Amino acid sequence: MGKPLKRHPAFVPVSRDHHFGLLLVWKIRQGREKGIAPDRLFNYVKYFYATHMEPHFSLEESVIFSYMAKNDLLRKEVESQHRDIREAYKELSGFQKDDLLNKLDEFCQMVEAHIRFEERKLFQYMQVELLKKELEEMEEKVAAIHKPVTEDWEDKFWVK
C-alpha cells in the first residue's frame, strides 16, 4: 500500500475528534479489563456521545458529506454507519450488567470500525476527488462550526 496522503486542513479538526473517539473505545476497553461496573462505563459513553459524538456526526452530515453526491456509495455507507451507531447507542439504555457489557463491546467495535473507515477510505477519497476550491470552502465551514473536544469527566475509571 502506498504512503498515506497528507490530511487536507479541511479534515484536520474532524480527524482530531476521531482521535478522541478512539480514546473513548480504549477507555471503555480499559474499564472492562479492570472490571469496572457497567453503569460507570455507560455513564461515560452517555456523556461522550451527547457532548462530542452527536455534534461531530451533525457537523459531518451537514458540511462534509454535502460535498458528495447523495448516491455516492461511500456517502451511503458512512451515513448508514452513523444510523447504526445512533441505533446501537439508543439500545444501550435497555440493558443491564453482562448484557450491557456485551453491547458496550459491540458499540466500541462499531465506533472504531467507523472511524477507521472515515480516516482510511472516505477522507482519502474526498481529498483526491474534490476540487481545491471545494476543500477550501469546506475548511471554512468546518472551522466555523467545529468545537474542539475538551474532556470534562471526573470518573477516570480507565486509570484506576
Protein backbone atom coordinates (compact mmCIF):
# COMPACT_ATOMS: atom_id res chain seq x y z
CA MET A 1 0.00 0.00 0.00
CA GLY A 2 1.25 3.49 -0.85
CA LYS A 3 2.16 6.22 1.56
CA PRO A 4 -0.96 7.85 3.04
CA LEU A 5 -1.93 11.28 1.78
CA LYS A 6 -1.25 14.24 4.00
CA ARG A 7 -4.57 15.20 5.55
CA HIS A 8 -6.11 18.33 3.98
CA PRO A 9 -6.71 21.08 6.60
CA ALA A 10 -10.48 20.80 5.99
CA PHE A 11 -10.41 17.37 7.64
CA VAL A 12 -7.91 18.05 10.43
CA PRO A 13 -10.43 19.14 13.13
CA VAL A 14 -12.63 16.14 12.39
CA SER A 15 -9.62 13.81 12.42
CA ARG A 16 -8.70 15.20 15.85
CA ASP A 17 -12.23 14.33 17.01
CA HIS A 18 -11.62 10.82 15.70
CA HIS A 19 -8.59 10.55 17.97
CA PHE A 20 -10.88 11.20 20.94
CA GLY A 21 -13.41 8.69 19.59
CA LEU A 22 -10.67 6.07 19.53
CA LEU A 23 -9.75 7.11 23.07
CA LEU A 24 -13.38 6.53 24.10
CA VAL A 25 -13.08 2.98 22.77
CA TRP A 26 -9.74 2.50 24.54
CA LYS A 27 -11.13 3.84 27.84
CA ILE A 28 -14.15 1.53 27.75
CA ARG A 29 -11.90 -1.43 26.97
CA GLN A 30 -9.57 -0.44 29.84
CA GLY A 31 -12.57 -0.23 32.14
CA ARG A 32 -13.68 -3.69 31.01
CA GLU A 33 -10.23 -5.12 31.77
CA LYS A 34 -10.27 -3.53 35.22
CA GLY A 35 -13.73 -4.92 35.99
CA ILE A 36 -15.37 -1.50 36.30
CA ALA A 37 -19.14 -1.60 36.88
CA PRO A 38 -21.09 -1.43 33.59
CA ASP A 39 -23.12 1.59 34.70
CA ARG A 40 -19.92 3.63 35.24
CA LEU A 41 -18.78 2.75 31.71
CA PHE A 42 -22.21 3.55 30.28
CA ASN A 43 -22.34 6.90 32.11
CA TYR A 44 -19.11 7.88 30.37
CA VAL A 45 -20.45 6.72 26.99
CA LYS A 46 -23.62 8.80 27.56
CA TYR A 47 -21.52 11.87 28.40
CA PHE A 48 -19.18 11.40 25.43
CA TYR A 49 -21.96 10.63 22.98
CA ALA A 50 -24.07 13.68 23.87
CA THR A 51 -21.17 16.10 24.30
CA HIS A 52 -18.89 15.04 21.46
CA MET A 53 -20.12 12.28 19.17
CA GLU A 54 -23.56 13.58 18.19
CA PRO A 55 -22.26 17.13 17.45
CA HIS A 56 -19.43 15.52 15.43
CA PHE A 57 -21.90 13.44 13.40
CA SER A 58 -24.05 16.53 12.79
CA LEU A 59 -21.05 18.50 11.51
CA GLU A 60 -20.03 15.69 9.17
CA GLU A 61 -23.57 15.27 7.86
CA SER A 62 -24.31 18.96 7.40
CA VAL A 63 -20.96 20.00 5.96
CA ILE A 64 -18.56 17.25 4.90
CA PHE A 65 -20.96 14.76 3.34
CA SER A 66 -22.74 17.56 1.47
CA TYR A 67 -19.71 17.72 -0.86
CA MET A 68 -20.53 14.24 -2.14
CA ALA A 69 -23.34 13.15 -4.40
CA LYS A 70 -26.32 11.73 -2.46
CA ASN A 71 -25.98 8.44 -4.33
CA ASP A 72 -22.19 8.14 -3.83
CA LEU A 73 -21.59 4.67 -2.40
CA LEU A 74 -19.09 5.88 0.20
CA ARG A 75 -21.55 8.58 1.34
CA LYS A 76 -24.32 6.00 1.60
CA GLU A 77 -22.02 3.71 3.59
CA VAL A 78 -20.91 6.40 6.05
CA GLU A 79 -24.46 7.67 6.56
CA SER A 80 -25.56 4.09 7.21
CA GLN A 81 -22.77 3.73 9.78
CA HIS A 82 -23.96 6.90 11.54
CA ARG A 83 -27.50 5.49 11.68
CA ASP A 84 -26.25 2.15 13.01
CA ILE A 85 -24.13 3.80 15.72
CA ARG A 86 -27.04 6.02 16.79
CA GLU A 87 -29.31 2.98 16.97
CA ALA A 88 -26.73 0.96 18.93
CA TYR A 89 -26.32 3.88 21.34
CA LYS A 90 -30.09 4.14 21.93
CA GLU A 91 -30.29 0.41 22.59
CA LEU A 92 -27.61 0.56 25.30
CA SER A 93 -30.02 2.02 27.85
CA GLY A 94 -32.19 -1.11 27.70
CA PHE A 95 -29.52 -3.47 29.03
CA GLN A 96 -28.16 -4.42 32.45
CA LYS A 97 -24.87 -5.92 33.68
CA ASP A 98 -23.43 -8.62 31.39
CA ASP A 99 -25.76 -7.77 28.51
CA LEU A 100 -24.76 -4.11 28.82
CA LEU A 101 -21.06 -5.07 28.79
CA ASN A 102 -21.57 -7.11 25.60
CA LYS A 103 -23.48 -4.25 23.97
CA LEU A 104 -20.77 -1.77 25.01
CA ASP A 105 -18.21 -4.05 23.35
CA GLU A 106 -20.29 -4.09 20.15
CA PHE A 107 -20.74 -0.31 20.31
CA CYS A 108 -16.97 0.17 20.68
CA GLN A 109 -16.29 -2.13 17.72
CA MET A 110 -18.75 -0.15 15.59
CA VAL A 111 -17.26 3.21 16.57
CA GLU A 112 -13.70 2.02 15.94
CA ALA A 113 -14.55 0.49 12.54
CA HIS A 114 -16.43 3.65 11.57
CA ILE A 115 -13.53 5.95 12.44
CA ARG A 116 -11.10 3.75 10.53
CA PHE A 117 -13.44 3.80 7.52
CA GLU A 118 -13.64 7.60 7.52
CA GLU A 119 -9.91 8.08 8.03
CA ARG A 120 -8.64 5.40 5.65
CA LYS A 121 -11.26 5.46 2.91
CA LEU A 122 -13.71 8.36 2.96
CA PHE A 123 -11.38 11.28 3.67
CA GLN A 124 -8.65 9.93 1.39
CA TYR A 125 -11.21 9.61 -1.41
CA MET A 126 -12.65 13.09 -0.83
CA GLN A 127 -9.20 14.71 -0.78
CA VAL A 128 -8.49 13.28 -4.21
CA GLU A 129 -11.93 13.79 -5.76
CA LEU A 130 -12.90 17.25 -4.54
CA LEU A 131 -11.71 20.42 -6.20
CA LYS A 132 -9.26 22.65 -4.34
CA LYS A 133 -11.96 25.34 -4.16
CA GLU A 134 -14.43 22.87 -2.60
CA LEU A 135 -11.89 21.75 0.00
CA GLU A 136 -11.11 25.37 0.93
CA GLU A 137 -14.81 26.16 1.26
CA MET A 138 -15.32 23.05 3.39
CA GLU A 139 -12.37 24.05 5.56
CA GLU A 140 -14.02 27.43 6.30
CA LYS A 141 -17.38 25.84 7.09
CA VAL A 142 -15.85 23.21 9.38
CA ALA A 143 -13.80 25.88 11.20
CA ALA A 144 -16.94 27.98 11.76
CA ILE A 145 -18.89 25.10 13.35
CA HIS A 146 -16.31 22.79 14.92
CA LYS A 147 -15.82 22.79 18.67
CA PRO A 148 -12.66 21.00 19.85
CA VAL A 149 -13.11 18.09 22.23
CA THR A 150 -12.42 19.08 25.81
CA GLU A 151 -12.56 16.26 28.31
CA ASP A 152 -14.66 17.17 31.33
CA TRP A 153 -15.28 13.89 33.12
CA GLU A 154 -14.26 13.27 36.71
CA ASP A 155 -14.62 9.47 36.98
CA LYS A 156 -11.33 8.42 35.39
CA PHE A 157 -12.12 4.70 35.70
CA TRP A 158 -9.60 3.81 32.99
CA VAL A 159 -6.59 4.80 35.14
CA LYS A 160 -7.59 3.14 38.43
